[in-house]
Amino acid sequence: GGVIAGKEFQTWIDWLAREGEIKPGQIKPA
């Protein structure tokens, strides 16, 4: 039913932080 898992955002948070697109800790899945 499309339930969202936190890891589905955390994976890309980590990638964007690694790429310098966002700051580490700037955004949390919640």
Full PDB file with SEQRES, HELIX, SHEET, SSBOND, CRYST1, ORIGX, SCALE, CONECT and MASTER records, all heavy atoms in Angstrom:
SEQRES   1 A   30  GLY GLY VAL ILE ALA GLY LYS GLU PHE GLN THR TRP ILE          
SEQRES   2 A   30  ASP TRP LEU ALA ARG GLU GLY GLU ILE LYS PRO GLY GLN          
SEQRES   3 A   30  ILE LYS PRO ALA                                              
HELIX    1 AA1 LYS A    7  GLU A   19  1                                  13    
CRYST1    1.000    1.000    1.000  90.00  90.00  90.00 P 1           1          
ORIGX1      1.000000  0.000000  0.000000        0.00000                         
ORIGX2      0.000000  1.000000  0.000000        0.00000                         
ORIGX3      0.000000  0.000000  1.000000        0.00000                         
SCALE1      1.000000  0.000000  0.000000        0.00000                         
SCALE2      0.000000  1.000000  0.000000        0.00000                         
SCALE3      0.000000  0.000000  1.000000        0.00000                         
ATOM      1  N   GLY A   1       0.792  -1.230   0.000  1.00  0.00           N  
ATOM      2  CA  GLY A   1       0.000   0.000   0.000  1.00  0.00           C  
ATOM      3  C   GLY A   1       0.822   1.276   0.000  1.00  0.00           C  
ATOM      4  O   GLY A   1       0.329   2.350   0.337  1.00  0.00           O  
ATOM      5  N   GLY A   2       2.094   1.171  -0.385  1.00  0.00           N  
ATOM      6  CA  GLY A   2       2.925   2.377  -0.474  1.00  0.00           C  
ATOM      7  C   GLY A   2       3.461   2.894   0.851  1.00  0.00           C  
ATOM      8  O   GLY A   2       3.904   4.046   0.927  1.00  0.00           O  
ATOM      9  N   VAL A   3       3.448   2.064   1.896  1.00  0.00           N  
ATOM     10  CA  VAL A   3       4.012   2.492   3.174  1.00  0.00           C  
ATOM     11  C   VAL A   3       5.489   2.832   2.986  1.00  0.00           C  
ATOM     12  O   VAL A   3       6.237   2.092   2.347  1.00  0.00           O  
ATOM     13  CB  VAL A   3       3.853   1.391   4.245  1.00  0.00           C  
ATOM     14  CG1 VAL A   3       4.610   1.756   5.521  1.00  0.00           C  
ATOM     15  CG2 VAL A   3       2.376   1.176   4.558  1.00  0.00           C  
ATOM     16  N   ILE A   4       5.907   3.961   3.530  1.00  0.00           N  
ATOM     17  CA  ILE A   4       7.282   4.448   3.365  1.00  0.00           C  
ATOM     18  C   ILE A   4       8.164   3.916   4.486  1.00  0.00           C  
ATOM     19  O   ILE A   4       7.777   3.918   5.663  1.00  0.00           O  
ATOM     20  CB  ILE A   4       7.307   5.994   3.375  1.00  0.00           C  
ATOM     21  CG1 ILE A   4       6.472   6.545   2.210  1.00  0.00           C  
ATOM     22  CG2 ILE A   4       8.735   6.511   3.292  1.00  0.00           C  
ATOM     23  CD1 ILE A   4       6.248   8.052   2.285  1.00  0.00           C  
ATOM     24  N   ALA A   5       9.356   3.452   4.149  1.00  0.00           N  
ATOM     25  CA  ALA A   5      10.357   3.036   5.135  1.00  0.00           C  
ATOM     26  C   ALA A   5      11.420   4.126   5.257  1.00  0.00           C  
ATOM     27  O   ALA A   5      11.808   4.730   4.256  1.00  0.00           O  
ATOM     28  CB  ALA A   5      11.005   1.715   4.715  1.00  0.00           C  
ATOM     29  N   GLY A   6      11.878   4.365   6.470  1.00  0.00           N  
ATOM     30  CA  GLY A   6      12.864   5.413   6.695  1.00  0.00           C  
ATOM     31  C   GLY A   6      14.121   5.246   5.859  1.00  0.00           C  
ATOM     32  O   GLY A   6      14.711   6.225   5.397  1.00  0.00           O  
ATOM     33  N   LYS A   7      14.541   3.994   5.620  1.00  0.00           N  
ATOM     34  CA  LYS A   7      15.770   3.748   4.852  1.00  0.00           C  
ATOM     35  C   LYS A   7      15.636   4.233   3.419  1.00  0.00           C  
ATOM     36  O   LYS A   7      16.646   4.506   2.762  1.00  0.00           O  
ATOM     37  CB  LYS A   7      16.128   2.267   4.876  1.00  0.00           C  
ATOM     38  CG  LYS A   7      15.135   1.360   4.171  1.00  0.00           C  
ATOM     39  CD  LYS A   7      15.540  -0.109   4.249  1.00  0.00           C  
ATOM     40  CE  LYS A   7      14.532  -0.997   3.522  1.00  0.00           C  
ATOM     41  NZ  LYS A   7      14.913  -2.430   3.585  1.00  0.00           N  
ATOM     42  N   GLU A   8      14.386   4.344   2.909  1.00  0.00           N  
ATOM     43  CA  GLU A   8      14.168   4.791   1.537  1.00  0.00           C  
ATOM     44  C   GLU A   8      14.485   6.269   1.374  1.00  0.00           C  
ATOM     45  O   GLU A   8      14.682   6.740   0.252  1.00  0.00           O  
ATOM     46  CB  GLU A   8      12.725   4.487   1.121  1.00  0.00           C  
ATOM     47  CG  GLU A   8      12.473   3.000   1.001  1.00  0.00           C  
ATOM     48  CD  GLU A   8      11.008   2.607   0.992  1.00  0.00           C  
ATOM     49  OE1 GLU A   8      10.147   3.493   1.189  1.00  0.00           O  
ATOM     50  OE2 GLU A   8      10.728   1.417   0.798  1.00  0.00           O  
ATOM     51  N   PHE A   9      14.542   6.988   2.474  1.00  0.00           N  
ATOM     52  CA  PHE A   9      15.040   8.361   2.451  1.00  0.00           C  
ATOM     53  C   PHE A   9      16.477   8.440   2.958  1.00  0.00           C  
ATOM     54  O   PHE A   9      17.273   9.223   2.440  1.00  0.00           O  
ATOM     55  CB  PHE A   9      14.142   9.274   3.290  1.00  0.00           C  
ATOM     56  CG  PHE A   9      12.930   9.757   2.553  1.00  0.00           C  
ATOM     57  CD1 PHE A   9      11.689   9.184   2.765  1.00  0.00           C  
ATOM     58  CD2 PHE A   9      13.029  10.773   1.625  1.00  0.00           C  
ATOM     59  CE1 PHE A   9      10.568   9.624   2.082  1.00  0.00           C  
ATOM     60  CE2 PHE A   9      11.925  11.224   0.926  1.00  0.00           C  
ATOM     61  CZ  PHE A   9      10.683  10.642   1.157  1.00  0.00           C  
ATOM     62  N   GLN A  10      16.828   7.631   3.955  1.00  0.00           N  
ATOM     63  CA  GLN A  10      18.169   7.709   4.534  1.00  0.00           C  
ATOM     64  C   GLN A  10      19.248   7.405   3.506  1.00  0.00           C  
ATOM     65  O   GLN A  10      20.316   8.038   3.503  1.00  0.00           O  
ATOM     66  CB  GLN A  10      18.282   6.744   5.708  1.00  0.00           C  
ATOM     67  CG  GLN A  10      19.577   6.914   6.505  1.00  0.00           C  
ATOM     68  CD  GLN A  10      19.670   8.286   7.155  1.00  0.00           C  
ATOM     69  OE1 GLN A  10      18.799   8.682   7.936  1.00  0.00           O  
ATOM     70  NE2 GLN A  10      20.718   9.042   6.841  1.00  0.00           N  
ATOM     71  N   THR A  11      18.987   6.453   2.613  1.00  0.00           N  
ATOM     72  CA  THR A  11      19.961   6.119   1.565  1.00  0.00           C  
ATOM     73  C   THR A  11      20.356   7.347   0.766  1.00  0.00           C  
ATOM     74  O   THR A  11      21.538   7.591   0.489  1.00  0.00           O  
ATOM     75  CB  THR A  11      19.367   5.060   0.608  1.00  0.00           C  
ATOM     76  OG1 THR A  11      19.157   3.848   1.323  1.00  0.00           O  
ATOM     77  CG2 THR A  11      20.304   4.795  -0.574  1.00  0.00           C  
ATOM     78  N   TRP A  12      19.359   8.165   0.406  1.00  0.00           N  
ATOM     79  CA  TRP A  12      19.621   9.330  -0.445  1.00  0.00           C  
ATOM     80  C   TRP A  12      20.066  10.535   0.361  1.00  0.00           C  
ATOM     81  O   TRP A  12      20.783  11.400  -0.162  1.00  0.00           O  
ATOM     82  CB  TRP A  12      18.378   9.634  -1.280  1.00  0.00           C  
ATOM     83  CG  TRP A  12      17.914   8.407  -2.009  1.00  0.00           C  
ATOM     84  CD1 TRP A  12      16.746   7.733  -1.849  1.00  0.00           C  
ATOM     85  CD2 TRP A  12      18.656   7.661  -2.984  1.00  0.00           C  
ATOM     86  NE1 TRP A  12      16.692   6.633  -2.649  1.00  0.00           N  
ATOM     87  CE2 TRP A  12      17.847   6.565  -3.365  1.00  0.00           C  
ATOM     88  CE3 TRP A  12      19.906   7.815  -3.575  1.00  0.00           C  
ATOM     89  CZ2 TRP A  12      18.261   5.625  -4.310  1.00  0.00           C  
ATOM     90  CZ3 TRP A  12      20.316   6.882  -4.519  1.00  0.00           C  
ATOM     91  CH2 TRP A  12      19.503   5.804  -4.874  1.00  0.00           C  
ATOM     92  N   ILE A  13      19.688  10.608   1.642  1.00  0.00           N  
ATOM     93  CA  ILE A  13      20.256  11.644   2.525  1.00  0.00           C  
ATOM     94  C   ILE A  13      21.763  11.460   2.602  1.00  0.00           C  
ATOM     95  O   ILE A  13      22.539  12.419   2.467  1.00  0.00           O  
ATOM     96  CB  ILE A  13      19.629  11.558   3.932  1.00  0.00           C  
ATOM     97  CG1 ILE A  13      18.166  12.016   3.903  1.00  0.00           C  
ATOM     98  CG2 ILE A  13      20.430  12.406   4.936  1.00  0.00           C  
ATOM     99  CD1 ILE A  13      17.434  11.801   5.211  1.00  0.00           C  
ATOM    100  N   ASP A  14      22.191  10.223   2.820  1.00  0.00           N  
ATOM    101  CA  ASP A  14      23.626   9.939   2.916  1.00  0.00           C  
ATOM    102  C   ASP A  14      24.332  10.271   1.605  1.00  0.00           C  
ATOM    103  O   ASP A  14      25.439  10.833   1.607  1.00  0.00           O  
ATOM    104  CB  ASP A  14      23.843   8.459   3.257  1.00  0.00           C  
ATOM    105  CG  ASP A  14      23.318   8.089   4.636  1.00  0.00           C  
ATOM    106  OD1 ASP A  14      23.105   9.000   5.450  1.00  0.00           O  
ATOM    107  OD2 ASP A  14      23.106   6.884   4.880  1.00  0.00           O  
ATOM    108  N   TRP A  15      23.699   9.918   0.478  1.00  0.00           N  
ATOM    109  CA  TRP A  15      24.307  10.190  -0.828  1.00  0.00           C  
ATOM    110  C   TRP A  15      24.434  11.692  -1.077  1.00  0.00           C  
ATOM    111  O   TRP A  15      25.483  12.176  -1.513  1.00  0.00           O  
ATOM    112  CB  TRP A  15      23.472   9.546  -1.937  1.00  0.00           C  
ATOM    113  CG  TRP A  15      23.963   9.896  -3.306  1.00  0.00           C  
ATOM    114  CD1 TRP A  15      25.099   9.452  -3.905  1.00  0.00           C  
ATOM    115  CD2 TRP A  15      23.352  10.790  -4.241  1.00  0.00           C  
ATOM    116  NE1 TRP A  15      25.237   9.993  -5.163  1.00  0.00           N  
ATOM    117  CE2 TRP A  15      24.171  10.827  -5.388  1.00  0.00           C  
ATOM    118  CE3 TRP A  15      22.184  11.549  -4.217  1.00  0.00           C  
ATOM    119  CZ2 TRP A  15      23.862  11.608  -6.496  1.00  0.00           C  
ATOM    120  CZ3 TRP A  15      21.872  12.318  -5.330  1.00  0.00           C  
ATOM    121  CH2 TRP A  15      22.705  12.346  -6.448  1.00  0.00           C  
ATOM    122  N   LEU A  16      23.389  12.449  -0.803  1.00  0.00           N  
ATOM    123  CA  LEU A  16      23.419  13.889  -1.037  1.00  0.00           C  
ATOM    124  C   LEU A  16      24.421  14.587  -0.130  1.00  0.00           C  
ATOM    125  O   LEU A  16      25.079  15.552  -0.540  1.00  0.00           O  
ATOM    126  CB  LEU A  16      22.021  14.479  -0.839  1.00  0.00           C  
ATOM    127  CG  LEU A  16      21.005  14.137  -1.932  1.00  0.00           C  
ATOM    128  CD1 LEU A  16      19.594  14.499  -1.490  1.00  0.00           C  
ATOM    129  CD2 LEU A  16      21.347  14.844  -3.232  1.00  0.00           C  
ATOM    130  N   ALA A  17      24.552  14.106   1.111  1.00  0.00           N  
ATOM    131  CA  ALA A  17      25.553  14.682   2.012  1.00  0.00           C  
ATOM    132  C   ALA A  17      26.954  14.383   1.494  1.00  0.00           C  
ATOM    133  O   ALA A  17      27.849  15.242   1.518  1.00  0.00           O  
ATOM    134  CB  ALA A  17      25.364  14.127   3.419  1.00  0.00           C  
ATOM    135  N   ARG A  18      27.163  13.166   1.005  1.00  0.00           N  
ATOM    136  CA  ARG A  18      28.457  12.781   0.450  1.00  0.00           C  
ATOM    137  C   ARG A  18      28.800  13.600  -0.788  1.00  0.00           C  
ATOM    138  O   ARG A  18      29.967  13.936  -1.037  1.00  0.00           O  
ATOM    139  CB  ARG A  18      28.421  11.289   0.118  1.00  0.00           C  
ATOM    140  CG  ARG A  18      29.767  10.658  -0.102  1.00  0.00           C  
ATOM    141  CD  ARG A  18      29.673   9.135  -0.093  1.00  0.00           C  
ATOM    142  NE  ARG A  18      28.851   8.623  -1.175  1.00  0.00           N  
ATOM    143  CZ  ARG A  18      27.785   7.857  -1.000  1.00  0.00           C  
ATOM    144  NH1 ARG A  18      27.392   7.521   0.223  1.00  0.00           N  
ATOM    145  NH2 ARG A  18      27.092   7.418  -2.036  1.00  0.00           N  
ATOM    146  N   GLU A  19      27.758  13.946  -1.575  1.00  0.00           N  
ATOM    147  CA  GLU A  19      27.953  14.740  -2.788  1.00  0.00           C  
ATOM    148  C   GLU A  19      28.096  16.235  -2.494  1.00  0.00           C  
ATOM    149  O   GLU A  19      28.387  17.021  -3.389  1.00  0.00           O  
ATOM    150  CB  GLU A  19      26.763  14.536  -3.731  1.00  0.00           C  
ATOM    151  CG  GLU A  19      26.695  13.165  -4.368  1.00  0.00           C  
ATOM    152  CD  GLU A  19      27.773  12.966  -5.414  1.00  0.00           C  
ATOM    153  OE1 GLU A  19      27.857  13.765  -6.360  1.00  0.00           O  
ATOM    154  OE2 GLU A  19      28.553  11.998  -5.278  1.00  0.00           O  
ATOM    155  N   GLY A  20      27.870  16.634  -1.251  1.00  0.00           N  
ATOM    156  CA  GLY A  20      27.940  18.046  -0.889  1.00  0.00           C  
ATOM    157  C   GLY A  20      26.687  18.828  -1.240  1.00  0.00           C  
ATOM    158  O   GLY A  20      26.679  20.057  -1.207  1.00  0.00           O  
ATOM    159  N   GLU A  21      25.598  18.127  -1.563  1.00  0.00           N  
ATOM    160  CA  GLU A  21      24.338  18.792  -1.930  1.00  0.00           C  
ATOM    161  C   GLU A  21      23.593  19.289  -0.701  1.00  0.00           C  
ATOM    162  O   GLU A  21      22.841  20.257  -0.762  1.00  0.00           O  
ATOM    163  CB  GLU A  21      23.449  17.829  -2.721  1.00  0.00           C  
ATOM    164  CG  GLU A  21      24.041  17.354  -4.031  1.00  0.00           C  
ATOM    165  CD  GLU A  21      23.768  18.334  -5.164  1.00  0.00           C  
ATOM    166  OE1 GLU A  21      23.066  19.324  -4.929  1.00  0.00           O  
ATOM    167  OE2 GLU A  21      24.263  18.091  -6.280  1.00  0.00           O  
ATOM    168  N   ILE A  22      23.740  18.570   0.419  1.00  0.00           N  
ATOM    169  CA  ILE A  22      23.176  19.010   1.691  1.00  0.00           C  
ATOM    170  C   ILE A  22      24.256  18.845   2.756  1.00  0.00           C  
ATOM    171  O   ILE A  22      25.246  18.126   2.558  1.00  0.00           O  
ATOM    172  CB  ILE A  22      21.918  18.203   2.087  1.00  0.00           C  
ATOM    173  CG1 ILE A  22      22.255  16.720   2.268  1.00  0.00           C  
ATOM    174  CG2 ILE A  22      20.806  18.396   1.065  1.00  0.00           C  
ATOM    175  CD1 ILE A  22      21.103  15.884   2.805  1.00  0.00           C  
ATOM    176  N   LYS A  23      24.058  19.497   3.900  1.00  0.00           N  
ATOM    177  CA  LYS A  23      25.020  19.381   4.988  1.00  0.00           C  
ATOM    178  C   LYS A  23      24.742  18.125   5.806  1.00  0.00           C  
ATOM    179  O   LYS A  23      23.589  17.747   5.987  1.00  0.00           O  
ATOM    180  CB  LYS A  23      24.934  20.615   5.893  1.00  0.00           C  
ATOM    181  CG  LYS A  23      25.280  21.920   5.196  1.00  0.00           C  
ATOM    182  CD  LYS A  23      25.079  23.097   6.134  1.00  0.00           C  
ATOM    183  CE  LYS A  23      25.367  24.415   5.422  1.00  0.00           C  
ATOM    184  NZ  LYS A  23      25.115  25.591   6.308  1.00  0.00           N  
ATOM    185  N   PRO A  24      25.785  17.477   6.308  1.00  0.00           N  
ATOM    186  CA  PRO A  24      25.565  16.310   7.173  1.00  0.00           C  
ATOM    187  C   PRO A  24      24.679  16.692   8.361  1.00  0.00           C  
ATOM    188  O   PRO A  24      24.910  17.700   9.025  1.00  0.00           O  
ATOM    189  CB  PRO A  24      26.981  15.941   7.626  1.00  0.00           C  
ATOM    190  CG  PRO A  24      27.870  16.443   6.526  1.00  0.00           C  
ATOM    191  CD  PRO A  24      27.221  17.721   6.056  1.00  0.00           C  
ATOM    192  N   GLY A  25      23.655  15.908   8.604  1.00  0.00           N  
ATOM    193  CA  GLY A  25      22.758  16.177   9.713  1.00  0.00           C  
ATOM    194  C   GLY A  25      21.700  17.233   9.451  1.00  0.00           C  
ATOM    195  O   GLY A  25      20.869  17.518  10.320  1.00  0.00           O  
ATOM    196  N   GLN A  26      21.723  17.812   8.256  1.00  0.00           N  
ATOM    197  CA  GLN A  26      20.771  18.891   7.955  1.00  0.00           C  
ATOM    198  C   GLN A  26      19.332  18.389   7.906  1.00  0.00           C  
ATOM    199  O   GLN A  26      18.402  19.074   8.321  1.00  0.00           O  
ATOM    200  CB  GLN A  26      21.130  19.530   6.607  1.00  0.00           C  
ATOM    201  CG  GLN A  26      20.209  20.661   6.175  1.00  0.00           C  
ATOM    202  CD  GLN A  26      20.595  21.249   4.821  1.00  0.00           C  
ATOM    203  OE1 GLN A  26      21.616  20.889   4.242  1.00  0.00           O  
ATOM    204  NE2 GLN A  26      19.781  22.144   4.309  1.00  0.00           N  
ATOM    205  N   ILE A  27      19.153  17.186   7.374  1.00  0.00           N  
ATOM    206  CA  ILE A  27      17.819  16.617   7.186  1.00  0.00           C  
ATOM    207  C   ILE A  27      17.779  15.212   7.775  1.00  0.00           C  
ATOM    208  O   ILE A  27      18.721  14.437   7.611  1.00  0.00           O  
ATOM    209  CB  ILE A  27      17.462  16.531   5.680  1.00  0.00           C  
ATOM    210  CG1 ILE A  27      17.375  17.928   5.069  1.00  0.00           C  
ATOM    211  CG2 ILE A  27      16.154  15.785   5.471  1.00  0.00           C  
ATOM    212  CD1 ILE A  27      16.147  18.706   5.436  1.00  0.00           C  
ATOM    213  N   LYS A  28      16.684  14.895   8.466  1.00  0.00           N  
ATOM    214  CA  LYS A  28      16.453  13.543   8.973  1.00  0.00           C  
ATOM    215  C   LYS A  28      15.230  12.956   8.277  1.00  0.00           C  
ATOM    216  O   LYS A  28      14.339  13.699   7.848  1.00  0.00           O  
ATOM    217  CB  LYS A  28      16.221  13.561  10.483  1.00  0.00           C  
ATOM    218  CG  LYS A  28      17.348  14.197  11.289  1.00  0.00           C  
ATOM    219  CD  LYS A  28      17.101  14.056  12.774  1.00  0.00           C  
ATOM    220  CE  LYS A  28      15.857  14.812  13.232  1.00  0.00           C  
ATOM    221  NZ  LYS A  28      15.990  16.264  13.106  1.00  0.00           N  
ATOM    222  N   PRO A  29      15.152  11.612   8.163  1.00  0.00           N  
ATOM    223  CA  PRO A  29      13.977  11.015   7.521  1.00  0.00           C  
ATOM    224  C   PRO A  29      12.656  11.491   8.122  1.00  0.00           C  
ATOM    225  O   PRO A  29      11.683  11.708   7.388  1.00  0.00           O  
ATOM    226  CB  PRO A  29      14.193   9.515   7.750  1.00  0.00           C  
ATOM    227  CG  PRO A  29      15.671   9.361   7.784  1.00  0.00           C  
ATOM    228  CD  PRO A  29      16.166  10.596   8.503  1.00  0.00           C  
ATOM    229  N   ALA A  30      12.618  11.668   9.435  1.00  0.00           N  
ATOM    230  CA  ALA A  30      11.379  12.097  10.091  1.00  0.00           C  
ATOM    231  C   ALA A  30      10.922  13.480   9.635  1.00  0.00           C  
ATOM    232  O   ALA A  30       9.735  13.816   9.753  1.00  0.00           O  
ATOM    233  CB  ALA A  30      11.565  12.085  11.606  1.00  0.00           C  
TER     234      ALA A  30                                                      
MASTER        0    0    0    1    0    0    0    6  233    1    0    3          
END                                                                             
